[in-house]
Amino acid sequence: MQNFLHLHAPLVLASASPRRKKLLEQLGLEFRVVVSSFDEDIIPTDIAPADYVQKLARSKALHVAETLGERAIIIGADTTVVLQGYILNKPRDSGDAVRMLSMLSNRVHEVYTGIAIVESAADGSIATVVSDVSKTEVRFRALSTDEIRWYVATGSPLDKAGSYGIQDDFGAVFVESIQGCYYNVVGLPLQLLYRRLQDFC
């Protein structure tokens, strides 16, 4: 896929997420991972969700671009869950995960993923920045207290926005339906990312 795209610089993923890494590998892209140490708490959550995830994605990609100091195409991404305008990021602990899943039970929420693609020049300067956002509506069925507590006890929800992973063996059975991109809910909207990467060919 990368040869087909004819990207004119090495590709870097600015994310520690194993899910995003796996999705890029699924596309057949050659890349390396350089995790951003950008402090996500700097970005306020009292802004529009689409702006929030795009700001975080841009900040992560720019931070890696500045630290690399070489020519590269860097992908930054951030995903959050939104319920009636309230942002649900990764849970603080298992109790917080139970609280989030109880809120999502039998309701519709939105998943937003912001992506940013930054091209850095050989001297470390920033040549190009492209950003976008994808939104998917997800409906949960009614969840029992036992189901929620069992799932949280597996530890899987603790590193995920909204405290669930649609790709998880058990988390998947919470989802009644979705409208929009499935891969966006996993953490990287592949069709959107592919189209934006075409700008770097």
N, C-alpha and C. Protein backbone atom coordinates (compact mmCIF):
# COMPACT_ATOMS: atom_id res chain seq x y z
N MET A 1 0.83 -1.21 0.00
CA MET A 1 0.00 0.00 0.00
C MET A 1 0.86 1.26 0.00
N GLN A 2 1.95 1.25 0.77
CA GLN A 2 2.78 2.45 0.80
C GLN A 2 3.40 2.71 -0.57
N ASN A 3 3.84 1.65 -1.26
CA ASN A 3 4.38 1.83 -2.60
C ASN A 3 3.32 2.40 -3.53
N PHE A 4 2.09 1.94 -3.39
CA PHE A 4 0.99 2.45 -4.20
C PHE A 4 0.76 3.93 -3.94
N LEU A 5 0.88 4.33 -2.66
CA LEU A 5 0.68 5.74 -2.31
C LEU A 5 1.86 6.61 -2.74
N HIS A 6 3.04 6.02 -2.86
CA HIS A 6 4.25 6.77 -3.22
C HIS A 6 4.51 7.92 -2.24
N LEU A 7 4.43 7.63 -0.96
CA LEU A 7 4.74 8.64 0.05
C LEU A 7 6.19 9.08 -0.11
N HIS A 8 6.44 10.39 -0.01
CA HIS A 8 7.78 10.88 -0.31
C HIS A 8 8.66 11.07 0.92
N ALA A 9 8.29 10.45 2.04
CA ALA A 9 9.13 10.47 3.24
C ALA A 9 8.75 9.28 4.12
N PRO A 10 9.65 8.85 5.02
CA PRO A 10 9.33 7.74 5.91
C PRO A 10 8.12 8.05 6.79
N LEU A 11 7.33 7.02 7.08
CA LEU A 11 6.11 7.18 7.84
C LEU A 11 6.36 6.85 9.32
N VAL A 12 5.81 7.68 10.21
CA VAL A 12 5.97 7.50 11.65
C VAL A 12 4.59 7.58 12.30
N LEU A 13 4.30 6.65 13.22
CA LEU A 13 3.07 6.69 14.00
C LEU A 13 3.39 7.24 15.38
N ALA A 14 2.77 8.37 15.72
CA ALA A 14 3.02 9.02 17.01
C ALA A 14 2.00 8.55 18.03
N SER A 15 1.97 7.25 18.30
CA SER A 15 0.97 6.69 19.21
C SER A 15 1.50 5.40 19.82
N ALA A 16 1.18 5.22 21.10
CA ALA A 16 1.54 3.98 21.79
C ALA A 16 0.45 2.93 21.65
N SER A 17 -0.65 3.27 21.00
CA SER A 17 -1.80 2.37 20.91
C SER A 17 -1.49 1.14 20.08
N PRO A 18 -1.60 -0.05 20.67
CA PRO A 18 -1.39 -1.27 19.87
C PRO A 18 -2.47 -1.45 18.82
N ARG A 19 -3.64 -0.88 19.06
CA ARG A 19 -4.73 -1.01 18.09
C ARG A 19 -4.44 -0.20 16.84
N ARG A 20 -3.94 1.03 17.01
CA ARG A 20 -3.59 1.83 15.84
C ARG A 20 -2.43 1.21 15.06
N LYS A 21 -1.47 0.69 15.78
CA LYS A 21 -0.33 0.03 15.14
C LYS A 21 -0.82 -1.15 14.29
N LYS A 22 -1.73 -1.93 14.84
CA LYS A 22 -2.25 -3.09 14.13
C LYS A 22 -3.04 -2.68 12.88
N LEU A 23 -3.80 -1.59 12.99
CA LEU A 23 -4.58 -1.12 11.84
C LEU A 23 -3.68 -0.64 10.71
N LEU A 24 -2.61 0.07 11.05
CA LEU A 24 -1.67 0.50 10.01
C LEU A 24 -1.00 -0.70 9.36
N GLU A 25 -0.65 -1.69 10.17
CA GLU A 25 -0.05 -2.91 9.63
C GLU A 25 -1.04 -3.62 8.71
N GLN A 26 -2.32 -3.56 9.06
CA GLN A 26 -3.36 -4.18 8.24
C GLN A 26 -3.39 -3.58 6.84
N LEU A 27 -3.06 -2.28 6.74
CA LEU A 27 -3.02 -1.62 5.44
C LEU A 27 -1.76 -1.95 4.65
N GLY A 28 -0.82 -2.62 5.28
CA GLY A 28 0.43 -2.94 4.61
C GLY A 28 1.42 -1.80 4.58
N LEU A 29 1.19 -0.78 5.41
CA LEU A 29 2.09 0.37 5.45
C LEU A 29 3.36 0.06 6.23
N GLU A 30 4.48 0.54 5.72
CA GLU A 30 5.74 0.45 6.45
C GLU A 30 5.90 1.71 7.29
N PHE A 31 6.16 1.54 8.57
CA PHE A 31 6.27 2.69 9.46
C PHE A 31 7.02 2.29 10.72
N ARG A 32 7.40 3.30 11.48
CA ARG A 32 7.95 3.03 12.81
C ARG A 32 7.13 3.83 13.82
N VAL A 33 7.17 3.38 15.06
CA VAL A 33 6.42 4.03 16.13
C VAL A 33 7.36 4.90 16.95
N VAL A 34 6.98 6.17 17.13
CA VAL A 34 7.67 7.08 18.03
C VAL A 34 6.59 7.69 18.92
N VAL A 35 6.56 7.28 20.17
CA VAL A 35 5.47 7.69 21.07
C VAL A 35 5.65 9.14 21.49
N SER A 36 4.58 9.90 21.40
CA SER A 36 4.60 11.29 21.82
C SER A 36 4.48 11.38 23.34
N SER A 37 5.26 12.28 23.92
CA SER A 37 5.16 12.51 25.36
C SER A 37 4.40 13.81 25.66
N PHE A 38 3.63 14.27 24.69
CA PHE A 38 2.84 15.48 24.88
C PHE A 38 1.85 15.30 26.04
N ASP A 39 1.74 16.29 26.90
CA ASP A 39 0.84 16.25 28.05
C ASP A 39 -0.58 16.56 27.59
N GLU A 40 -1.42 15.51 27.51
CA GLU A 40 -2.77 15.66 26.99
C GLU A 40 -3.66 16.53 27.88
N ASP A 41 -3.32 16.65 29.15
CA ASP A 41 -4.14 17.45 30.06
C ASP A 41 -4.09 18.94 29.75
N ILE A 42 -3.14 19.34 28.90
CA ILE A 42 -3.04 20.76 28.53
C ILE A 42 -4.25 21.20 27.72
N ILE A 43 -4.81 20.28 26.94
CA ILE A 43 -5.96 20.63 26.08
C ILE A 43 -7.23 20.57 26.92
N PRO A 44 -7.98 21.67 27.01
CA PRO A 44 -9.21 21.69 27.81
C PRO A 44 -10.30 20.83 27.17
N THR A 45 -11.13 20.23 28.00
CA THR A 45 -12.21 19.37 27.49
C THR A 45 -13.52 20.14 27.31
N ASP A 46 -13.52 21.42 27.61
CA ASP A 46 -14.75 22.20 27.50
C ASP A 46 -14.88 22.87 26.13
N ILE A 47 -14.38 22.20 25.10
CA ILE A 47 -14.53 22.68 23.73
C ILE A 47 -15.27 21.61 22.94
N ALA A 48 -15.64 21.93 21.71
CA ALA A 48 -16.35 20.96 20.88
C ALA A 48 -15.52 19.69 20.73
N PRO A 49 -16.15 18.52 20.85
CA PRO A 49 -15.40 17.26 20.76
C PRO A 49 -14.55 17.13 19.50
N ALA A 50 -15.07 17.59 18.36
CA ALA A 50 -14.30 17.50 17.11
C ALA A 50 -13.04 18.34 17.20
N ASP A 51 -13.14 19.52 17.81
CA ASP A 51 -11.96 20.38 17.99
C ASP A 51 -10.99 19.76 18.99
N TYR A 52 -11.54 19.16 20.02
CA TYR A 52 -10.72 18.56 21.08
C TYR A 52 -9.81 17.46 20.53
N VAL A 53 -10.40 16.51 19.80
CA VAL A 53 -9.59 15.39 19.30
C VAL A 53 -8.61 15.84 18.22
N GLN A 54 -9.00 16.83 17.42
CA GLN A 54 -8.07 17.31 16.40
C GLN A 54 -6.90 18.07 17.02
N LYS A 55 -7.16 18.86 18.05
CA LYS A 55 -6.08 19.56 18.73
C LYS A 55 -5.09 18.57 19.35
N LEU A 56 -5.61 17.52 19.97
CA LEU A 56 -4.74 16.52 20.56
C LEU A 56 -3.93 15.78 19.50
N ALA A 57 -4.58 15.40 18.42
CA ALA A 57 -3.88 14.68 17.34
C ALA A 57 -2.76 15.54 16.76
N ARG A 58 -3.06 16.81 16.52
CA ARG A 58 -2.05 17.74 15.97
C ARG A 58 -0.90 17.92 16.95
N SER A 59 -1.24 18.09 18.23
CA SER A 59 -0.21 18.32 19.24
C SER A 59 0.73 17.13 19.36
N LYS A 60 0.17 15.92 19.32
CA LYS A 60 1.00 14.71 19.40
C LYS A 60 1.93 14.60 18.19
N ALA A 61 1.36 14.80 17.00
CA ALA A 61 2.17 14.67 15.79
C ALA A 61 3.25 15.75 15.72
N LEU A 62 2.90 16.98 16.08
CA LEU A 62 3.88 18.08 16.06
C LEU A 62 4.98 17.85 17.08
N HIS A 63 4.62 17.33 18.24
CA HIS A 63 5.63 17.07 19.28
C HIS A 63 6.66 16.06 18.78
N VAL A 64 6.19 14.99 18.14
CA VAL A 64 7.11 13.98 17.60
C VAL A 64 7.94 14.58 16.47
N ALA A 65 7.30 15.37 15.60
CA ALA A 65 8.03 15.99 14.48
C ALA A 65 9.17 16.86 15.00
N GLU A 66 8.92 17.61 16.06
CA GLU A 66 9.94 18.50 16.61
C GLU A 66 11.08 17.73 17.26
N THR A 67 10.76 16.60 17.88
CA THR A 67 11.81 15.82 18.55
C THR A 67 12.60 14.96 17.57
N LEU A 68 11.98 14.57 16.45
CA LEU A 68 12.68 13.76 15.46
C LEU A 68 13.79 14.54 14.78
N GLY A 69 13.47 15.74 14.36
CA GLY A 69 14.45 16.56 13.67
C GLY A 69 14.92 15.96 12.36
N GLU A 70 14.02 15.33 11.64
CA GLU A 70 14.37 14.73 10.36
C GLU A 70 13.16 14.74 9.44
N ARG A 71 13.39 14.44 8.18
CA ARG A 71 12.28 14.40 7.23
C ARG A 71 11.43 13.17 7.50
N ALA A 72 10.14 13.39 7.68
CA ALA A 72 9.23 12.28 7.96
C ALA A 72 7.79 12.75 7.80
N ILE A 73 6.91 11.77 7.67
CA ILE A 73 5.47 12.01 7.68
C ILE A 73 4.94 11.36 8.94
N ILE A 74 4.43 12.18 9.85
CA ILE A 74 4.04 11.69 11.18
C ILE A 74 2.53 11.70 11.31
N ILE A 75 1.97 10.58 11.76
CA ILE A 75 0.54 10.45 12.00
C ILE A 75 0.26 10.57 13.50
N GLY A 76 -0.58 11.53 13.87
CA GLY A 76 -1.07 11.64 15.24
C GLY A 76 -2.55 11.34 15.25
N ALA A 77 -3.04 10.78 16.35
CA ALA A 77 -4.47 10.47 16.44
C ALA A 77 -4.93 10.53 17.89
N ASP A 78 -6.20 10.84 18.07
CA ASP A 78 -6.79 10.80 19.40
C ASP A 78 -8.26 10.45 19.27
N THR A 79 -8.73 9.60 20.17
CA THR A 79 -10.11 9.14 20.15
C THR A 79 -10.78 9.43 21.48
N THR A 80 -12.02 9.89 21.43
CA THR A 80 -12.78 10.06 22.66
C THR A 80 -14.22 9.66 22.43
N VAL A 81 -14.90 9.35 23.53
CA VAL A 81 -16.32 9.00 23.52
C VAL A 81 -17.09 10.17 24.10
N VAL A 82 -18.22 10.49 23.47
CA VAL A 82 -19.02 11.64 23.90
C VAL A 82 -20.46 11.20 24.13
N LEU A 83 -20.96 11.47 25.31
CA LEU A 83 -22.35 11.16 25.66
C LEU A 83 -23.05 12.46 26.03
N GLN A 84 -23.98 12.86 25.19
CA GLN A 84 -24.75 14.09 25.40
C GLN A 84 -23.83 15.29 25.69
N GLY A 85 -22.78 15.40 24.91
CA GLY A 85 -21.86 16.51 25.03
C GLY A 85 -20.78 16.35 26.09
N TYR A 86 -20.83 15.27 26.85
CA TYR A 86 -19.87 15.04 27.93
C TYR A 86 -18.78 14.08 27.44
N ILE A 87 -17.53 14.52 27.50
CA ILE A 87 -16.41 13.72 27.02
C ILE A 87 -16.02 12.64 28.02
N LEU A 88 -15.93 11.41 27.53
CA LEU A 88 -15.50 10.27 28.35
C LEU A 88 -14.16 9.78 27.79
N ASN A 89 -13.08 10.14 28.44
CA ASN A 89 -11.76 9.68 28.04
C ASN A 89 -11.45 8.34 28.72
N LYS A 90 -10.20 8.00 28.87
CA LYS A 90 -9.84 6.75 29.55
C LYS A 90 -10.22 6.85 31.02
N PRO A 91 -10.71 5.77 31.61
CA PRO A 91 -11.11 5.81 33.01
C PRO A 91 -9.91 5.95 33.94
N ARG A 92 -10.13 6.59 35.08
CA ARG A 92 -9.06 6.75 36.09
C ARG A 92 -8.74 5.43 36.76
N ASP A 93 -9.77 4.61 36.97
CA ASP A 93 -9.62 3.33 37.66
C ASP A 93 -10.82 2.46 37.33
N SER A 94 -10.91 1.28 37.96
CA SER A 94 -12.00 0.36 37.65
C SER A 94 -13.36 0.92 38.05
N GLY A 95 -13.41 1.67 39.14
CA GLY A 95 -14.67 2.28 39.55
C GLY A 95 -15.17 3.28 38.54
N ASP A 96 -14.23 4.04 37.97
CA ASP A 96 -14.59 5.02 36.94
C ASP A 96 -15.06 4.31 35.68
N ALA A 97 -14.46 3.17 35.37
CA ALA A 97 -14.87 2.39 34.20
C ALA A 97 -16.30 1.87 34.37
N VAL A 98 -16.61 1.40 35.57
CA VAL A 98 -17.98 0.93 35.86
C VAL A 98 -18.97 2.09 35.69
N ARG A 99 -18.60 3.25 36.18
CA ARG A 99 -19.46 4.43 36.07
C ARG A 99 -19.73 4.78 34.61
N MET A 100 -18.68 4.79 33.78
CA MET A 100 -18.84 5.13 32.38
C MET A 100 -19.73 4.14 31.64
N LEU A 101 -19.48 2.86 31.84
CA LEU A 101 -20.26 1.84 31.15
C LEU A 101 -21.72 1.87 31.59
N SER A 102 -21.96 2.19 32.85
CA SER A 102 -23.34 2.32 33.33
C SER A 102 -24.03 3.50 32.66
N MET A 103 -23.28 4.57 32.41
CA MET A 103 -23.83 5.74 31.71
C MET A 103 -24.17 5.41 30.26
N LEU A 104 -23.33 4.60 29.61
CA LEU A 104 -23.51 4.28 28.20
C LEU A 104 -24.60 3.23 27.96
N SER A 105 -24.94 2.47 29.00
CA SER A 105 -25.91 1.39 28.86
C SER A 105 -27.25 1.88 28.31
N ASN A 106 -27.72 1.18 27.26
CA ASN A 106 -29.04 1.44 26.67
C ASN A 106 -29.16 2.86 26.10
N ARG A 107 -28.03 3.42 25.64
CA ARG A 107 -28.04 4.78 25.10
C ARG A 107 -27.18 4.85 23.84
N VAL A 108 -27.34 5.94 23.12
CA VAL A 108 -26.52 6.21 21.93
C VAL A 108 -25.45 7.23 22.32
N HIS A 109 -24.21 6.97 21.90
CA HIS A 109 -23.13 7.92 22.11
C HIS A 109 -22.36 8.09 20.81
N GLU A 110 -21.46 9.07 20.80
CA GLU A 110 -20.63 9.32 19.63
C GLU A 110 -19.17 9.02 19.94
N VAL A 111 -18.48 8.51 18.96
CA VAL A 111 -17.03 8.32 19.05
C VAL A 111 -16.38 9.24 18.03
N TYR A 112 -15.48 10.08 18.51
CA TYR A 112 -14.74 10.99 17.65
C TYR A 112 -13.27 10.58 17.62
N THR A 113 -12.70 10.52 16.44
CA THR A 113 -11.26 10.36 16.30
C THR A 113 -10.71 11.48 15.43
N GLY A 114 -9.77 12.21 15.99
CA GLY A 114 -9.07 13.23 15.23
C GLY A 114 -7.78 12.65 14.71
N ILE A 115 -7.46 12.96 13.46
CA ILE A 115 -6.18 12.54 12.89
C ILE A 115 -5.42 13.78 12.43
N ALA A 116 -4.12 13.71 12.52
CA ALA A 116 -3.26 14.79 12.02
C ALA A 116 -2.07 14.15 11.33
N ILE A 117 -1.72 14.68 10.19
CA ILE A 117 -0.54 14.22 9.45
C ILE A 117 0.39 15.41 9.28
N VAL A 118 1.57 15.28 9.83
CA VAL A 118 2.55 16.36 9.82
C VAL A 118 3.76 15.91 9.02
N GLU A 119 4.17 16.73 8.07
CA GLU A 119 5.41 16.47 7.34
C GLU A 119 6.50 17.39 7.86
N SER A 120 7.56 16.78 8.35
CA SER A 120 8.69 17.57 8.83
C SER A 120 9.81 17.53 7.80
N ALA A 121 10.53 18.64 7.68
CA ALA A 121 11.63 18.75 6.73
C ALA A 121 12.92 18.21 7.36
N ALA A 122 13.96 18.09 6.54
CA ALA A 122 15.23 17.54 7.01
C ALA A 122 15.85 18.38 8.12
N ASP A 123 15.56 19.69 8.13
CA ASP A 123 16.12 20.55 9.17
C ASP A 123 15.24 20.59 10.42
N GLY A 124 14.19 19.76 10.45
CA GLY A 124 13.31 19.70 11.61
C GLY A 124 12.15 20.66 11.56
N SER A 125 12.10 21.53 10.55
CA SER A 125 10.98 22.46 10.43
C SER A 125 9.74 21.73 9.93
N ILE A 126 8.58 22.34 10.14
CA ILE A 126 7.31 21.73 9.74
C ILE A 126 6.93 22.23 8.35
N ALA A 127 6.77 21.30 7.42
CA ALA A 127 6.46 21.66 6.05
C ALA A 127 4.95 21.71 5.80
N THR A 128 4.24 20.72 6.32
CA THR A 128 2.80 20.60 6.05
C THR A 128 2.09 19.99 7.25
N VAL A 129 0.87 20.46 7.51
CA VAL A 129 0.02 19.86 8.53
C VAL A 129 -1.38 19.70 7.93
N VAL A 130 -1.90 18.47 7.99
CA VAL A 130 -3.25 18.18 7.53
C VAL A 130 -3.98 17.50 8.69
N SER A 131 -5.20 17.95 8.99
CA SER A 131 -5.95 17.31 10.07
C SER A 131 -7.40 17.12 9.66
N ASP A 132 -8.06 16.18 10.30
CA ASP A 132 -9.46 15.88 10.01
C ASP A 132 -10.05 15.13 11.19
N VAL A 133 -11.34 14.87 11.12
CA VAL A 133 -12.01 14.18 12.22
C VAL A 133 -13.09 13.26 11.67
N SER A 134 -13.30 12.14 12.35
CA SER A 134 -14.34 11.20 11.98
C SER A 134 -15.26 10.99 13.18
N LYS A 135 -16.55 10.85 12.91
CA LYS A 135 -17.54 10.66 13.98
C LYS A 135 -18.39 9.44 13.66
N THR A 136 -18.58 8.58 14.66
CA THR A 136 -19.42 7.39 14.53
C THR A 136 -20.41 7.35 15.68
N GLU A 137 -21.68 7.07 15.38
CA GLU A 137 -22.69 6.91 16.43
C GLU A 137 -22.77 5.43 16.82
N VAL A 138 -22.77 5.18 18.11
CA VAL A 138 -22.79 3.80 18.63
C VAL A 138 -23.96 3.66 19.60
N ARG A 139 -24.75 2.63 19.40
CA ARG A 139 -25.86 2.35 20.33
C ARG A 139 -25.51 1.12 21.17
N PHE A 140 -25.56 1.27 22.49
CA PHE A 140 -25.38 0.14 23.42
C PHE A 140 -26.74 -0.45 23.77
N ARG A 141 -26.79 -1.74 23.92
CA ARG A 141 -27.98 -2.37 24.49
C ARG A 141 -27.94 -2.15 26.01
N ALA A 142 -28.99 -2.57 26.69
CA ALA A 142 -29.02 -2.46 28.15
C ALA A 142 -28.03 -3.47 28.74
N LEU A 143 -27.14 -2.99 29.60
CA LEU A 143 -26.12 -3.84 30.21
C LEU A 143 -26.47 -4.14 31.66
N SER A 144 -26.24 -5.37 32.07
CA SER A 144 -26.47 -5.72 33.47
C SER A 144 -25.26 -5.31 34.31
N THR A 145 -25.48 -5.14 35.59
CA THR A 145 -24.39 -4.79 36.50
C THR A 145 -23.31 -5.87 36.48
N ASP A 146 -23.72 -7.14 36.43
CA ASP A 146 -22.76 -8.24 36.42
C ASP A 146 -21.90 -8.21 35.17
N GLU A 147 -22.52 -7.93 34.03
CA GLU A 147 -21.75 -7.85 32.77
C GLU A 147 -20.71 -6.75 32.85
N ILE A 148 -21.12 -5.60 33.33
CA ILE A 148 -20.20 -4.46 33.43
C ILE A 148 -19.04 -4.79 34.34
N ARG A 149 -19.33 -5.31 35.51
CA ARG A 149 -18.28 -5.59 36.49
C ARG A 149 -17.34 -6.70 36.01
N TRP A 150 -17.89 -7.70 35.33
CA TRP A 150 -17.03 -8.77 34.81
C TRP A 150 -16.08 -8.22 33.76
N TYR A 151 -16.60 -7.40 32.86
CA TYR A 151 -15.79 -6.83 31.79
C TYR A 151 -14.69 -5.93 32.37
N VAL A 152 -15.04 -5.10 33.31
CA VAL A 152 -14.05 -4.21 33.93
C VAL A 152 -12.98 -5.03 34.64
N ALA A 153 -13.37 -6.14 35.25
CA ALA A 153 -12.41 -6.99 35.98
C ALA A 153 -11.37 -7.60 35.06
N THR A 154 -11.66 -7.69 33.76
CA THR A 154 -10.66 -8.23 32.82
C THR A 154 -9.50 -7.25 32.62
N GLY A 155 -9.73 -5.98 32.96
CA GLY A 155 -8.70 -4.96 32.77
C GLY A 155 -8.69 -4.34 31.39
N SER A 156 -9.39 -4.92 30.45
CA SER A 156 -9.37 -4.44 29.08
C SER A 156 -9.88 -3.01 28.92
N PRO A 157 -10.93 -2.59 29.65
CA PRO A 157 -11.46 -1.24 29.43
C PRO A 157 -10.58 -0.12 29.97
N LEU A 158 -9.57 -0.44 30.77
CA LEU A 158 -8.87 0.60 31.52
C LEU A 158 -7.97 1.49 30.68
N ASP A 159 -7.65 1.07 29.45
CA ASP A 159 -6.82 1.92 28.59
C ASP A 159 -7.58 2.42 27.37
N LYS A 160 -8.92 2.47 27.48
CA LYS A 160 -9.73 2.83 26.34
C LYS A 160 -10.69 3.96 26.67
N ALA A 161 -10.83 4.89 25.73
CA ALA A 161 -11.81 5.96 25.89
C ALA A 161 -13.20 5.36 26.03
N GLY A 162 -13.97 5.88 26.99
CA GLY A 162 -15.30 5.36 27.21
C GLY A 162 -15.35 4.03 27.92
N SER A 163 -14.18 3.47 28.23
CA SER A 163 -14.06 2.22 28.99
C SER A 163 -14.54 0.98 28.24
N TYR A 164 -14.44 1.00 26.90
CA TYR A 164 -14.76 -0.22 26.17
C TYR A 164 -14.00 -0.24 24.85
N GLY A 165 -13.84 -1.45 24.33
CA GLY A 165 -13.26 -1.64 23.00
C GLY A 165 -14.22 -2.44 22.15
N ILE A 166 -14.67 -1.86 21.04
CA ILE A 166 -15.62 -2.56 20.18
C ILE A 166 -15.01 -3.82 19.60
N GLN A 167 -13.67 -3.86 19.54
CA GLN A 167 -12.97 -5.02 18.99
C GLN A 167 -12.72 -6.11 20.03
N ASP A 168 -13.00 -5.83 21.30
CA ASP A 168 -12.81 -6.83 22.36
C ASP A 168 -13.80 -7.98 22.20
N ASP A 169 -13.37 -9.17 22.64
CA ASP A 169 -14.25 -10.34 22.56
C ASP A 169 -15.56 -10.10 23.29
N PHE A 170 -15.49 -9.49 24.48
CA PHE A 170 -16.70 -9.28 25.27
C PHE A 170 -17.28 -7.89 25.07
N GLY A 171 -16.42 -6.87 24.91
CA GLY A 171 -16.92 -5.52 24.69
C GLY A 171 -17.77 -5.42 23.45
N ALA A 172 -17.51 -6.27 22.48
CA ALA A 172 -18.26 -6.24 21.22
C ALA A 172 -19.73 -6.55 21.43
N VAL A 173 -20.07 -7.35 22.43
CA VAL A 173 -21.47 -7.75 22.62
C VAL A 173 -22.30 -6.65 23.28
N PHE A 174 -21.67 -5.57 23.69
CA PHE A 174 -22.41 -4.43 24.24
C PHE A 174 -23.04 -3.60 23.12
N VAL A 175 -22.45 -3.67 21.93
CA VAL A 175 -22.84 -2.78 20.84
C VAL A 175 -24.01 -3.36 20.05
N GLU A 176 -25.09 -2.60 20.03
CA GLU A 176 -26.29 -3.02 19.30
C GLU A 176 -26.20 -2.62 17.84
N SER A 177 -25.69 -1.41 17.58
CA SER A 177 -25.57 -0.95 16.20
C SER A 177 -24.60 0.23 16.14
N ILE A 178 -24.09 0.50 14.94
CA ILE A 178 -23.27 1.69 14.73
C ILE A 178 -23.69 2.36 13.43
N GLN A 179 -23.47 3.68 13.38
CA GLN A 179 -23.65 4.43 12.15
C GLN A 179 -22.37 5.19 11.90
N GLY A 180 -21.66 4.78 10.86
CA GLY A 180 -20.38 5.40 10.56
C GLY A 180 -19.27 4.37 10.47
N CYS A 181 -18.04 4.83 10.57
CA CYS A 181 -16.87 3.99 10.37
C CYS A 181 -16.56 3.13 11.60
N TYR A 182 -16.53 1.82 11.41
CA TYR A 182 -16.18 0.89 12.50
C TYR A 182 -14.76 1.15 12.99
N TYR A 183 -13.83 1.34 12.06
CA TYR A 183 -12.43 1.50 12.44
C TYR A 183 -12.20 2.79 13.24
N ASN A 184 -13.07 3.76 13.04
CA ASN A 184 -13.01 4.97 13.84
C ASN A 184 -13.22 4.64 15.31
N VAL A 185 -14.13 3.72 15.60
CA VAL A 185 -14.41 3.33 16.99
C VAL A 185 -13.23 2.56 17.58
N VAL A 186 -12.55 1.80 16.75
CA VAL A 186 -11.35 1.08 17.20
C VAL A 186 -10.22 2.07 17.52
N GLY A 187 -10.17 3.19 16.76
CA GLY A 187 -9.17 4.20 17.08
C GLY A 187 -8.47 4.85 15.91
N LEU A 188 -8.81 4.43 14.67
CA LEU A 188 -8.16 5.02 13.50
C LEU A 188 -9.06 4.85 12.28
N PRO A 189 -9.71 5.92 11.80
CA PRO A 189 -10.59 5.81 10.64
C PRO A 189 -9.78 5.60 9.36
N LEU A 190 -9.70 4.38 8.91
CA LEU A 190 -8.75 4.02 7.86
C LEU A 190 -9.05 4.68 6.52
N GLN A 191 -10.31 4.75 6.14
CA GLN A 191 -10.65 5.35 4.85
C GLN A 191 -10.27 6.83 4.85
N LEU A 192 -10.58 7.53 5.93
CA LEU A 192 -10.24 8.94 6.04
C LEU A 192 -8.73 9.14 6.06
N LEU A 193 -8.03 8.31 6.82
CA LEU A 193 -6.58 8.41 6.88
C LEU A 193 -5.95 8.19 5.51
N TYR A 194 -6.43 7.19 4.79
CA TYR A 194 -5.91 6.90 3.46
C TYR A 194 -6.07 8.09 2.52
N ARG A 195 -7.25 8.70 2.54
CA ARG A 195 -7.49 9.86 1.67
C ARG A 195 -6.59 11.03 2.03
N ARG A 196 -6.36 11.23 3.32
CA ARG A 196 -5.48 12.35 3.74
C ARG A 196 -4.02 12.05 3.41
N LEU A 197 -3.62 10.79 3.49
CA LEU A 197 -2.25 10.43 3.13
C LEU A 197 -1.96 10.68 1.65
N GLN A 198 -3.02 10.67 0.84
CA GLN A 198 -2.83 10.94 -0.59
C GLN A 198 -2.29 12.35 -0.82
N ASP A 199 -2.51 13.25 0.15
CA ASP A 199 -1.97 14.61 0.03
C ASP A 199 -0.45 14.63 0.16
N PHE A 200 0.15 13.51 0.57
CA PHE A 200 1.60 13.45 0.80
C PHE A 200 2.29 12.57 -0.22
N CYS A 201 1.63 12.37 -1.33
CA CYS A 201 2.22 11.57 -2.42
C CYS A 201 2.83 12.47 -3.49
